[in-house]
Amino acid sequence: MSKYNGTVFIVDDDDDFRDSMQWLLESDDLPVKSFSSARDFLNNYKGDQGCMLLDVRMPEINGLALQQIMLERDIRLPIIVLSGHGDIPMAVTAMKNGAIDFLEKPFDDEVLIPLVQNALKKADQILADQQQREQINQLYETLSRREREVMALVVSGKANREIAEELGISPKTVEVHRSRVMSKMRAESLPVLVNQASQLES
């Protein structure tokens, strides 16, 4: 049983390099799956949690193109970009597009393991955030149409009296709806509700 959550996906067209990386990572008890091309990864990825070691220069679909496809498909894997000396501009672009780090080949093996461990921790956080957003959305679905209207006005900073005037109801009714919103959303304070609303929008 691995001591890590998630899998390290290696996407690199260099067979020898891929094999050596897999051996190195597995020697640290890291679960690894390797792919010789971006298309190979896309055809076989099953939605597993983890991180990716991604070579930027590959035939057919390069690392930047794969990164864009992953964004479009909502594949949220922290990516460590691997680049040769001439690929640094591509690596910088990949970082701007959301990669968390990059390594220039050749690199010391000792440098890789901590980066991968950090990427897997990042993957854990992404999963936790995703689960939290899903829970917030589920709670929001329990609100009535009027409660959603009240919630939107509450988180925009409006007072009960202002909300009452805007919706054409009494301040007392607003207070009742507001209380129900807080209860149904399991929000113990207004800042918590505001944070939940921001996650609904993301």
N, C-alpha and C. Protein backbone atom coordinates (compact mmCIF):
# COMPACT_ATOMS: atom_id res chain seq x y z
N MET A 1 0.84 -1.19 0.00
CA MET A 1 0.00 0.00 0.00
C MET A 1 0.88 1.25 0.00
N SER A 2 0.68 2.13 -0.97
CA SER A 2 1.50 3.32 -1.06
C SER A 2 1.21 4.28 0.09
N LYS A 3 2.23 5.02 0.49
CA LYS A 3 2.04 6.03 1.54
C LYS A 3 1.50 7.33 0.95
N TYR A 4 1.31 7.38 -0.37
CA TYR A 4 0.82 8.58 -1.04
C TYR A 4 -0.57 8.36 -1.62
N ASN A 5 -1.37 9.44 -1.62
CA ASN A 5 -2.63 9.42 -2.36
C ASN A 5 -2.34 9.85 -3.79
N GLY A 6 -3.00 9.21 -4.74
CA GLY A 6 -2.87 9.65 -6.12
C GLY A 6 -1.73 8.98 -6.86
N THR A 7 -1.73 9.20 -8.16
CA THR A 7 -0.79 8.58 -9.09
C THR A 7 0.04 9.66 -9.78
N VAL A 8 1.30 9.34 -10.04
CA VAL A 8 2.15 10.23 -10.83
C VAL A 8 2.07 9.79 -12.29
N PHE A 9 1.54 10.65 -13.14
CA PHE A 9 1.42 10.35 -14.56
C PHE A 9 2.62 10.96 -15.29
N ILE A 10 3.42 10.12 -15.94
CA ILE A 10 4.56 10.59 -16.71
C ILE A 10 4.17 10.59 -18.19
N VAL A 11 4.27 11.75 -18.84
CA VAL A 11 3.97 11.83 -20.27
C VAL A 11 5.22 12.36 -20.97
N ASP A 12 5.93 11.46 -21.64
CA ASP A 12 7.21 11.81 -22.27
C ASP A 12 7.47 10.79 -23.38
N ASP A 13 7.93 11.26 -24.54
CA ASP A 13 8.13 10.36 -25.67
C ASP A 13 9.50 9.67 -25.64
N ASP A 14 10.34 10.01 -24.68
CA ASP A 14 11.66 9.39 -24.55
C ASP A 14 11.53 8.14 -23.67
N ASP A 15 11.63 6.96 -24.31
CA ASP A 15 11.40 5.70 -23.59
C ASP A 15 12.37 5.51 -22.43
N ASP A 16 13.65 5.77 -22.66
CA ASP A 16 14.65 5.56 -21.61
C ASP A 16 14.43 6.50 -20.44
N PHE A 17 14.15 7.75 -20.75
CA PHE A 17 13.91 8.73 -19.69
C PHE A 17 12.66 8.35 -18.89
N ARG A 18 11.62 7.96 -19.61
CA ARG A 18 10.36 7.58 -18.95
C ARG A 18 10.58 6.39 -18.02
N ASP A 19 11.31 5.41 -18.49
CA ASP A 19 11.58 4.22 -17.67
C ASP A 19 12.40 4.56 -16.43
N SER A 20 13.39 5.44 -16.59
CA SER A 20 14.24 5.80 -15.45
C SER A 20 13.45 6.60 -14.43
N MET A 21 12.56 7.48 -14.91
CA MET A 21 11.72 8.25 -13.99
C MET A 21 10.76 7.33 -13.23
N GLN A 22 10.20 6.36 -13.94
CA GLN A 22 9.27 5.44 -13.30
C GLN A 22 9.99 4.63 -12.22
N TRP A 23 11.19 4.17 -12.53
CA TRP A 23 11.96 3.41 -11.54
C TRP A 23 12.28 4.26 -10.32
N LEU A 24 12.70 5.50 -10.57
CA LEU A 24 13.05 6.40 -9.46
C LEU A 24 11.86 6.66 -8.55
N LEU A 25 10.73 6.96 -9.14
CA LEU A 25 9.54 7.30 -8.35
C LEU A 25 9.00 6.08 -7.61
N GLU A 26 8.99 4.94 -8.29
CA GLU A 26 8.49 3.73 -7.65
C GLU A 26 9.41 3.29 -6.50
N SER A 27 10.69 3.63 -6.59
CA SER A 27 11.61 3.30 -5.50
C SER A 27 11.30 4.10 -4.24
N ASP A 28 10.56 5.21 -4.41
CA ASP A 28 10.10 5.99 -3.25
C ASP A 28 8.65 5.67 -2.92
N ASP A 29 8.17 4.53 -3.42
CA ASP A 29 6.82 4.06 -3.13
C ASP A 29 5.74 4.94 -3.73
N LEU A 30 6.05 5.60 -4.84
CA LEU A 30 5.06 6.43 -5.53
C LEU A 30 4.39 5.63 -6.64
N PRO A 31 3.05 5.61 -6.68
CA PRO A 31 2.35 4.93 -7.77
C PRO A 31 2.57 5.70 -9.08
N VAL A 32 2.91 5.00 -10.13
CA VAL A 32 3.27 5.66 -11.39
C VAL A 32 2.54 5.01 -12.56
N LYS A 33 2.09 5.85 -13.50
CA LYS A 33 1.62 5.37 -14.80
C LYS A 33 2.33 6.23 -15.85
N SER A 34 2.91 5.58 -16.85
CA SER A 34 3.66 6.35 -17.85
C SER A 34 3.04 6.19 -19.23
N PHE A 35 3.20 7.25 -20.03
CA PHE A 35 2.60 7.31 -21.36
C PHE A 35 3.63 7.90 -22.33
N SER A 36 3.65 7.35 -23.53
CA SER A 36 4.64 7.77 -24.51
C SER A 36 4.19 8.97 -25.34
N SER A 37 2.93 9.37 -25.19
CA SER A 37 2.43 10.51 -25.95
C SER A 37 1.22 11.11 -25.23
N ALA A 38 0.89 12.34 -25.62
CA ALA A 38 -0.27 13.00 -25.05
C ALA A 38 -1.55 12.23 -25.40
N ARG A 39 -1.61 11.73 -26.64
CA ARG A 39 -2.81 11.00 -27.06
C ARG A 39 -2.97 9.70 -26.27
N ASP A 40 -1.84 9.05 -26.00
CA ASP A 40 -1.87 7.83 -25.19
C ASP A 40 -2.45 8.12 -23.81
N PHE A 41 -2.04 9.24 -23.22
CA PHE A 41 -2.58 9.63 -21.91
C PHE A 41 -4.07 9.91 -22.01
N LEU A 42 -4.47 10.71 -22.97
CA LEU A 42 -5.88 11.11 -23.09
C LEU A 42 -6.78 9.90 -23.33
N ASN A 43 -6.28 8.93 -24.08
CA ASN A 43 -7.08 7.75 -24.39
C ASN A 43 -7.22 6.80 -23.20
N ASN A 44 -6.32 6.92 -22.23
CA ASN A 44 -6.29 5.95 -21.13
C ASN A 44 -6.56 6.54 -19.75
N TYR A 45 -6.63 7.85 -19.65
CA TYR A 45 -6.86 8.47 -18.34
C TYR A 45 -8.29 8.22 -17.88
N LYS A 46 -8.42 7.73 -16.64
CA LYS A 46 -9.73 7.33 -16.11
C LYS A 46 -10.24 8.26 -15.01
N GLY A 47 -9.65 9.44 -14.92
CA GLY A 47 -10.11 10.39 -13.91
C GLY A 47 -9.45 10.24 -12.55
N ASP A 48 -8.34 9.48 -12.50
CA ASP A 48 -7.66 9.26 -11.23
C ASP A 48 -7.05 10.56 -10.70
N GLN A 49 -6.99 10.64 -9.37
CA GLN A 49 -6.33 11.76 -8.72
C GLN A 49 -4.82 11.59 -8.84
N GLY A 50 -4.09 12.71 -8.85
CA GLY A 50 -2.64 12.62 -8.88
C GLY A 50 -2.01 13.87 -9.44
N CYS A 51 -0.79 13.71 -9.98
CA CYS A 51 -0.09 14.82 -10.60
C CYS A 51 0.57 14.32 -11.88
N MET A 52 1.17 15.25 -12.63
CA MET A 52 1.75 14.87 -13.92
C MET A 52 3.15 15.43 -14.10
N LEU A 53 4.04 14.60 -14.64
CA LEU A 53 5.33 15.03 -15.16
C LEU A 53 5.18 15.10 -16.67
N LEU A 54 5.28 16.29 -17.23
CA LEU A 54 4.92 16.51 -18.64
C LEU A 54 6.07 17.10 -19.43
N ASP A 55 6.50 16.36 -20.44
CA ASP A 55 7.51 16.87 -21.37
C ASP A 55 6.86 17.88 -22.30
N VAL A 56 7.48 19.05 -22.48
CA VAL A 56 6.83 20.06 -23.32
C VAL A 56 7.01 19.79 -24.81
N ARG A 57 8.11 19.13 -25.18
CA ARG A 57 8.36 18.93 -26.61
C ARG A 57 8.10 17.47 -26.99
N MET A 58 6.95 17.24 -27.59
CA MET A 58 6.57 15.90 -28.05
C MET A 58 5.94 16.01 -29.43
N PRO A 59 6.04 14.96 -30.25
CA PRO A 59 5.41 15.00 -31.57
C PRO A 59 3.88 14.98 -31.47
N GLU A 60 3.22 15.43 -32.50
CA GLU A 60 1.77 15.44 -32.65
C GLU A 60 1.10 16.41 -31.68
N ILE A 61 1.02 16.06 -30.40
CA ILE A 61 0.44 16.96 -29.39
C ILE A 61 1.54 17.29 -28.38
N ASN A 62 2.02 18.53 -28.38
CA ASN A 62 3.09 18.86 -27.44
C ASN A 62 2.51 19.13 -26.04
N GLY A 63 3.41 19.40 -25.10
CA GLY A 63 2.97 19.57 -23.71
C GLY A 63 1.99 20.72 -23.52
N LEU A 64 2.24 21.84 -24.21
CA LEU A 64 1.34 22.99 -24.08
C LEU A 64 -0.05 22.66 -24.61
N ALA A 65 -0.09 21.94 -25.73
CA ALA A 65 -1.38 21.57 -26.31
C ALA A 65 -2.13 20.60 -25.38
N LEU A 66 -1.40 19.65 -24.79
CA LEU A 66 -2.04 18.72 -23.85
C LEU A 66 -2.57 19.48 -22.64
N GLN A 67 -1.80 20.43 -22.16
CA GLN A 67 -2.23 21.24 -21.02
C GLN A 67 -3.55 21.95 -21.34
N GLN A 68 -3.67 22.48 -22.54
CA GLN A 68 -4.89 23.18 -22.95
C GLN A 68 -6.07 22.21 -23.04
N ILE A 69 -5.82 21.03 -23.60
CA ILE A 69 -6.89 20.02 -23.69
C ILE A 69 -7.36 19.61 -22.29
N MET A 70 -6.41 19.46 -21.37
CA MET A 70 -6.76 19.10 -20.00
C MET A 70 -7.63 20.17 -19.35
N LEU A 71 -7.30 21.43 -19.60
CA LEU A 71 -8.11 22.53 -19.07
C LEU A 71 -9.54 22.46 -19.63
N GLU A 72 -9.63 22.22 -20.94
CA GLU A 72 -10.95 22.14 -21.59
C GLU A 72 -11.77 20.98 -21.07
N ARG A 73 -11.10 19.88 -20.71
CA ARG A 73 -11.80 18.68 -20.21
C ARG A 73 -11.91 18.66 -18.68
N ASP A 74 -11.45 19.74 -18.05
CA ASP A 74 -11.48 19.86 -16.59
C ASP A 74 -10.72 18.72 -15.91
N ILE A 75 -9.56 18.36 -16.50
CA ILE A 75 -8.66 17.40 -15.87
C ILE A 75 -7.70 18.21 -15.00
N ARG A 76 -7.93 18.16 -13.69
CA ARG A 76 -7.24 19.06 -12.77
C ARG A 76 -6.08 18.36 -12.07
N LEU A 77 -5.02 18.10 -12.82
CA LEU A 77 -3.82 17.48 -12.26
C LEU A 77 -2.73 18.54 -12.14
N PRO A 78 -2.12 18.70 -10.96
CA PRO A 78 -0.96 19.58 -10.86
C PRO A 78 0.14 19.07 -11.81
N ILE A 79 0.72 19.99 -12.57
CA ILE A 79 1.68 19.60 -13.61
C ILE A 79 3.06 20.15 -13.31
N ILE A 80 4.06 19.25 -13.37
CA ILE A 80 5.46 19.65 -13.35
C ILE A 80 5.98 19.49 -14.77
N VAL A 81 6.41 20.59 -15.36
CA VAL A 81 6.84 20.58 -16.74
C VAL A 81 8.31 20.19 -16.83
N LEU A 82 8.63 19.31 -17.78
CA LEU A 82 10.00 18.88 -18.04
C LEU A 82 10.44 19.47 -19.37
N SER A 83 11.58 20.17 -19.36
CA SER A 83 11.99 20.81 -20.61
C SER A 83 13.48 20.65 -20.84
N GLY A 84 13.85 20.56 -22.12
CA GLY A 84 15.24 20.62 -22.51
C GLY A 84 15.70 22.07 -22.52
N HIS A 85 16.99 22.27 -22.74
CA HIS A 85 17.55 23.63 -22.67
C HIS A 85 16.83 24.60 -23.60
N GLY A 86 16.51 24.13 -24.82
CA GLY A 86 15.89 25.02 -25.78
C GLY A 86 14.40 25.22 -25.59
N ASP A 87 13.83 24.52 -24.60
CA ASP A 87 12.38 24.57 -24.42
C ASP A 87 11.95 25.47 -23.27
N ILE A 88 12.88 26.26 -22.73
CA ILE A 88 12.56 27.08 -21.56
C ILE A 88 11.39 28.05 -21.84
N PRO A 89 11.34 28.73 -22.99
CA PRO A 89 10.18 29.61 -23.25
C PRO A 89 8.84 28.85 -23.20
N MET A 90 8.84 27.62 -23.73
CA MET A 90 7.63 26.80 -23.67
C MET A 90 7.29 26.47 -22.22
N ALA A 91 8.31 26.16 -21.42
CA ALA A 91 8.08 25.83 -20.02
C ALA A 91 7.51 27.04 -19.27
N VAL A 92 8.02 28.22 -19.58
CA VAL A 92 7.51 29.44 -18.95
C VAL A 92 6.05 29.65 -19.32
N THR A 93 5.71 29.41 -20.58
CA THR A 93 4.31 29.52 -21.02
C THR A 93 3.44 28.52 -20.27
N ALA A 94 3.95 27.30 -20.10
CA ALA A 94 3.20 26.27 -19.37
C ALA A 94 2.95 26.70 -17.93
N MET A 95 3.94 27.35 -17.31
CA MET A 95 3.78 27.85 -15.94
C MET A 95 2.68 28.91 -15.90
N LYS A 96 2.68 29.80 -16.89
CA LYS A 96 1.65 30.84 -16.95
C LYS A 96 0.26 30.23 -17.13
N ASN A 97 0.22 29.05 -17.75
CA ASN A 97 -1.06 28.36 -17.97
C ASN A 97 -1.46 27.46 -16.81
N GLY A 98 -0.68 27.51 -15.71
CA GLY A 98 -1.12 26.79 -14.51
C GLY A 98 -0.22 25.68 -14.02
N ALA A 99 0.84 25.34 -14.75
CA ALA A 99 1.77 24.34 -14.23
C ALA A 99 2.38 24.85 -12.93
N ILE A 100 2.69 23.96 -12.01
CA ILE A 100 3.15 24.40 -10.69
C ILE A 100 4.67 24.49 -10.58
N ASP A 101 5.39 23.87 -11.51
CA ASP A 101 6.85 23.91 -11.45
C ASP A 101 7.41 23.39 -12.77
N PHE A 102 8.72 23.64 -13.00
CA PHE A 102 9.33 22.98 -14.15
C PHE A 102 10.77 22.62 -13.85
N LEU A 103 11.21 21.55 -14.48
CA LEU A 103 12.56 21.04 -14.34
C LEU A 103 13.22 21.04 -15.71
N GLU A 104 14.46 21.52 -15.72
CA GLU A 104 15.22 21.51 -16.97
C GLU A 104 16.05 20.23 -17.03
N LYS A 105 15.90 19.48 -18.10
CA LYS A 105 16.69 18.27 -18.30
C LYS A 105 18.13 18.63 -18.68
N PRO A 106 19.14 17.88 -18.20
CA PRO A 106 19.02 16.83 -17.19
C PRO A 106 18.97 17.44 -15.78
N PHE A 107 18.39 16.73 -14.84
CA PHE A 107 18.29 17.24 -13.48
C PHE A 107 18.69 16.15 -12.49
N ASP A 108 19.02 16.55 -11.28
CA ASP A 108 19.38 15.60 -10.23
C ASP A 108 18.12 14.87 -9.75
N ASP A 109 18.24 13.58 -9.58
CA ASP A 109 17.10 12.78 -9.12
C ASP A 109 16.56 13.29 -7.79
N GLU A 110 17.48 13.77 -6.92
CA GLU A 110 17.06 14.21 -5.58
C GLU A 110 16.13 15.42 -5.64
N VAL A 111 16.20 16.15 -6.74
CA VAL A 111 15.35 17.35 -6.89
C VAL A 111 13.91 16.96 -7.18
N LEU A 112 13.74 15.84 -7.88
CA LEU A 112 12.41 15.47 -8.38
C LEU A 112 11.45 15.04 -7.29
N ILE A 113 11.90 14.18 -6.39
CA ILE A 113 10.99 13.58 -5.39
C ILE A 113 10.24 14.64 -4.57
N PRO A 114 10.94 15.65 -3.99
CA PRO A 114 10.20 16.67 -3.21
C PRO A 114 9.18 17.43 -4.05
N LEU A 115 9.52 17.69 -5.31
CA LEU A 115 8.56 18.38 -6.18
C LEU A 115 7.31 17.54 -6.41
N VAL A 116 7.51 16.25 -6.63
CA VAL A 116 6.37 15.34 -6.85
C VAL A 116 5.55 15.22 -5.57
N GLN A 117 6.21 15.11 -4.43
CA GLN A 117 5.48 15.03 -3.17
C GLN A 117 4.62 16.28 -2.95
N ASN A 118 5.19 17.44 -3.28
CA ASN A 118 4.45 18.69 -3.16
C ASN A 118 3.26 18.72 -4.13
N ALA A 119 3.48 18.22 -5.34
CA ALA A 119 2.40 18.19 -6.35
C ALA A 119 1.26 17.28 -5.89
N LEU A 120 1.60 16.17 -5.24
CA LEU A 120 0.55 15.27 -4.75
C LEU A 120 -0.23 15.90 -3.59
N LYS A 121 0.46 16.68 -2.76
CA LYS A 121 -0.25 17.43 -1.71
C LYS A 121 -1.21 18.44 -2.34
N LYS A 122 -0.74 19.08 -3.41
CA LYS A 122 -1.58 20.03 -4.14
C LYS A 122 -2.80 19.31 -4.72
N ALA A 123 -2.60 18.09 -5.21
CA ALA A 123 -3.71 17.30 -5.75
C ALA A 123 -4.73 16.98 -4.67
N ASP A 124 -4.25 16.68 -3.46
CA ASP A 124 -5.15 16.43 -2.33
C ASP A 124 -6.01 17.66 -2.06
N GLN A 125 -5.38 18.85 -2.11
CA GLN A 125 -6.11 20.09 -1.85
C GLN A 125 -7.14 20.37 -2.94
N ILE A 126 -6.76 20.08 -4.19
CA ILE A 126 -7.71 20.27 -5.30
C ILE A 126 -8.93 19.38 -5.11
N LEU A 127 -8.70 18.13 -4.70
CA LEU A 127 -9.80 17.20 -4.47
C LEU A 127 -10.69 17.69 -3.32
N ALA A 128 -10.06 18.15 -2.24
CA ALA A 128 -10.83 18.64 -1.09
C ALA A 128 -11.67 19.86 -1.48
N ASP A 129 -11.08 20.77 -2.26
CA ASP A 129 -11.81 21.97 -2.72
C ASP A 129 -12.98 21.58 -3.62
N GLN A 130 -12.73 20.61 -4.49
CA GLN A 130 -13.79 20.15 -5.39
C GLN A 130 -14.95 19.53 -4.61
N GLN A 131 -14.64 18.72 -3.61
CA GLN A 131 -15.67 18.10 -2.78
C GLN A 131 -16.45 19.15 -2.01
N GLN A 132 -15.74 20.19 -1.54
CA GLN A 132 -16.42 21.27 -0.82
C GLN A 132 -17.37 22.02 -1.74
N ARG A 133 -16.93 22.32 -2.97
CA ARG A 133 -17.80 23.01 -3.92
C ARG A 133 -19.03 22.18 -4.24
N GLU A 134 -18.83 20.87 -4.40
CA GLU A 134 -19.97 19.99 -4.68
C GLU A 134 -20.98 20.00 -3.53
N GLN A 135 -20.47 19.99 -2.30
CA GLN A 135 -21.36 20.03 -1.14
C GLN A 135 -22.12 21.35 -1.09
N ILE A 136 -21.43 22.46 -1.36
CA ILE A 136 -22.08 23.77 -1.35
C ILE A 136 -23.17 23.82 -2.41
N ASN A 137 -22.89 23.29 -3.59
CA ASN A 137 -23.90 23.26 -4.66
C ASN A 137 -25.11 22.43 -4.26
N GLN A 138 -24.85 21.30 -3.59
CA GLN A 138 -25.96 20.45 -3.14
C GLN A 138 -26.83 21.18 -2.11
N LEU A 139 -26.19 21.90 -1.20
CA LEU A 139 -26.94 22.67 -0.20
C LEU A 139 -27.75 23.79 -0.88
N TYR A 140 -27.13 24.44 -1.85
CA TYR A 140 -27.79 25.53 -2.56
C TYR A 140 -29.05 25.05 -3.29
N GLU A 141 -28.99 23.82 -3.80
CA GLU A 141 -30.14 23.24 -4.50
C GLU A 141 -31.35 23.07 -3.59
N THR A 142 -31.13 23.04 -2.28
CA THR A 142 -32.26 22.88 -1.34
C THR A 142 -32.99 24.20 -1.08
N LEU A 143 -32.43 25.32 -1.53
CA LEU A 143 -33.06 26.62 -1.30
C LEU A 143 -34.22 26.85 -2.27
N SER A 144 -35.24 27.51 -1.77
CA SER A 144 -36.35 27.91 -2.64
C SER A 144 -35.91 29.09 -3.50
N ARG A 145 -36.71 29.42 -4.50
CA ARG A 145 -36.39 30.56 -5.37
C ARG A 145 -36.26 31.84 -4.57
N ARG A 146 -37.17 32.07 -3.64
CA ARG A 146 -37.14 33.28 -2.82
C ARG A 146 -35.92 33.29 -1.91
N GLU A 147 -35.58 32.14 -1.35
CA GLU A 147 -34.41 32.06 -0.48
C GLU A 147 -33.13 32.36 -1.26
N ARG A 148 -33.08 31.94 -2.51
CA ARG A 148 -31.91 32.25 -3.34
C ARG A 148 -31.83 33.75 -3.62
N GLU A 149 -32.98 34.37 -3.85
CA GLU A 149 -33.00 35.82 -4.06
C GLU A 149 -32.49 36.55 -2.82
N VAL A 150 -32.98 36.12 -1.65
CA VAL A 150 -32.55 36.74 -0.40
C VAL A 150 -31.05 36.53 -0.18
N MET A 151 -30.59 35.31 -0.44
CA MET A 151 -29.17 35.01 -0.25
C MET A 151 -28.30 35.91 -1.13
N ALA A 152 -28.69 36.08 -2.39
CA ALA A 152 -27.90 36.92 -3.31
C ALA A 152 -27.80 38.35 -2.80
N LEU A 153 -28.91 38.86 -2.26
CA LEU A 153 -28.91 40.24 -1.76
C LEU A 153 -28.16 40.36 -0.44
N VAL A 154 -28.26 39.33 0.39
CA VAL A 154 -27.53 39.34 1.67
C VAL A 154 -26.02 39.37 1.42
N VAL A 155 -25.53 38.50 0.53
CA VAL A 155 -24.08 38.43 0.30
C VAL A 155 -23.57 39.65 -0.47
N SER A 156 -24.48 40.39 -1.11
CA SER A 156 -24.06 41.63 -1.78
C SER A 156 -23.92 42.78 -0.79
N GLY A 157 -24.30 42.51 0.48
CA GLY A 157 -24.08 43.51 1.53
C GLY A 157 -25.30 44.34 1.90
N LYS A 158 -26.46 43.98 1.38
CA LYS A 158 -27.66 44.77 1.66
C LYS A 158 -28.27 44.39 3.00
N ALA A 159 -28.80 45.40 3.67
CA ALA A 159 -29.46 45.19 4.96
C ALA A 159 -30.86 44.62 4.74
N ASN A 160 -31.44 44.06 5.81
CA ASN A 160 -32.77 43.44 5.69
C ASN A 160 -33.81 44.42 5.15
N ARG A 161 -33.76 45.67 5.61
CA ARG A 161 -34.76 46.64 5.15
C ARG A 161 -34.62 46.91 3.65
N GLU A 162 -33.38 47.01 3.19
CA GLU A 162 -33.16 47.22 1.75
C GLU A 162 -33.65 46.03 0.93
N ILE A 163 -33.39 44.82 1.45
CA ILE A 163 -33.85 43.61 0.76
C ILE A 163 -35.37 43.57 0.71
N ALA A 164 -35.99 43.94 1.82
CA ALA A 164 -37.45 43.96 1.89
C ALA A 164 -38.04 44.90 0.84
N GLU A 165 -37.45 46.08 0.71
CA GLU A 165 -37.94 47.06 -0.27
C GLU A 165 -37.75 46.54 -1.70
N GLU A 166 -36.60 45.91 -1.95
CA GLU A 166 -36.31 45.43 -3.31
C GLU A 166 -37.22 44.29 -3.72
N LEU A 167 -37.54 43.40 -2.75
CA LEU A 167 -38.36 42.23 -3.07
C LEU A 167 -39.85 42.45 -2.81
N GLY A 168 -40.19 43.58 -2.20
CA GLY A 168 -41.60 43.88 -1.93
C GLY A 168 -42.19 43.00 -0.84
N ILE A 169 -41.38 42.67 0.16
CA ILE A 169 -41.85 41.87 1.29
C ILE A 169 -41.46 42.59 2.58
N SER A 170 -41.96 42.11 3.71
CA SER A 170 -41.68 42.78 4.98
C SER A 170 -40.29 42.40 5.50
N PRO A 171 -39.67 43.29 6.29
CA PRO A 171 -38.37 42.96 6.90
C PRO A 171 -38.45 41.69 7.74
N LYS A 172 -39.58 41.46 8.37
CA LYS A 172 -39.74 40.24 9.17
C LYS A 172 -39.65 39.00 8.29
N THR A 173 -40.28 39.05 7.12
CA THR A 173 -40.23 37.93 6.19
C THR A 173 -38.80 37.72 5.68
N VAL A 174 -38.11 38.84 5.43
CA VAL A 174 -36.70 38.73 5.02
C VAL A 174 -35.90 38.01 6.09
N GLU A 175 -36.15 38.36 7.35
CA GLU A 175 -35.43 37.75 8.47
C GLU A 175 -35.66 36.24 8.52
N VAL A 176 -36.92 35.83 8.26
CA VAL A 176 -37.26 34.40 8.24
C VAL A 176 -36.50 33.69 7.12
N HIS A 177 -36.54 34.29 5.91
CA HIS A 177 -35.84 33.69 4.77
C HIS A 177 -34.33 33.63 5.03
N ARG A 178 -33.82 34.70 5.59
CA ARG A 178 -32.37 34.78 5.86
C ARG A 178 -31.96 33.68 6.84
N SER A 179 -32.77 33.47 7.85
CA SER A 179 -32.49 32.43 8.84
C SER A 179 -32.51 31.05 8.19
N ARG A 180 -33.47 30.84 7.31
CA ARG A 180 -33.56 29.55 6.62
C ARG A 180 -32.36 29.33 5.70
N VAL A 181 -31.94 30.40 5.03
CA VAL A 181 -30.76 30.30 4.16
C VAL A 181 -29.54 29.89 4.96
N MET A 182 -29.32 30.56 6.09
CA MET A 182 -28.16 30.25 6.93
C MET A 182 -28.21 28.80 7.41
N SER A 183 -29.41 28.35 7.76
CA SER A 183 -29.58 26.99 8.26
C SER A 183 -29.34 25.96 7.15
N LYS A 184 -29.99 26.17 6.02
CA LYS A 184 -29.87 25.20 4.92
C LYS A 184 -28.46 25.15 4.34
N MET A 185 -27.76 26.30 4.31
CA MET A 185 -26.40 26.34 3.78
C MET A 185 -25.37 25.94 4.83
N ARG A 186 -25.86 25.71 6.06
CA ARG A 186 -24.98 25.34 7.18
C ARG A 186 -23.87 26.38 7.38
N ALA A 187 -24.27 27.64 7.23
CA ALA A 187 -23.33 28.76 7.39
C ALA A 187 -23.52 29.37 8.77
N GLU A 188 -22.48 29.31 9.60
CA GLU A 188 -22.60 29.81 10.97
C GLU A 188 -22.40 31.32 11.07
N SER A 189 -22.00 31.95 9.94
CA SER A 189 -21.80 33.40 9.96
C SER A 189 -21.95 33.95 8.55
N LEU A 190 -22.10 35.27 8.45
CA LEU A 190 -22.23 35.91 7.14
C LEU A 190 -20.97 35.74 6.29
N PRO A 191 -19.75 35.89 6.86
CA PRO A 191 -18.56 35.66 6.03
C PRO A 191 -18.52 34.25 5.41
N VAL A 192 -18.99 33.25 6.15
CA VAL A 192 -19.04 31.89 5.61
C VAL A 192 -19.99 31.83 4.43
N LEU A 193 -21.14 32.48 4.56
CA LEU A 193 -22.13 32.48 3.47
C LEU A 193 -21.56 33.20 2.24
N VAL A 194 -20.86 34.30 2.46
CA VAL A 194 -20.25 35.04 1.36
C VAL A 194 -19.23 34.17 0.64
N ASN A 195 -18.44 33.43 1.41
CA ASN A 195 -17.45 32.52 0.81
C ASN A 195 -18.12 31.42 0.02
N GLN A 196 -19.22 30.88 0.56
CA GLN A 196 -19.95 29.84 -0.18
C GLN A 196 -20.48 30.38 -1.50
N ALA A 197 -21.02 31.61 -1.45
CA ALA A 197 -21.57 32.20 -2.66
C ALA A 197 -20.48 32.38 -3.72
N SER A 198 -19.28 32.75 -3.29
CA SER A 198 -18.18 32.92 -4.24
C SER A 198 -17.79 31.59 -4.89
N GLN A 199 -17.92 30.51 -4.15
CA GLN A 199 -17.60 29.20 -4.70
C GLN A 199 -18.69 28.72 -5.65
N LEU A 200 -19.91 29.14 -5.44
CA LEU A 200 -20.99 28.81 -6.37
C LEU A 200 -20.73 29.43 -7.73
N GLU A 201 -20.09 30.58 -7.71
CA GLU A 201 -19.83 31.30 -8.96
C GLU A 201 -18.63 30.76 -9.69
N SER A 202 -17.75 30.01 -8.99
CA SER A 202 -16.50 29.56 -9.61
C SER A 202 -16.71 28.28 -10.40
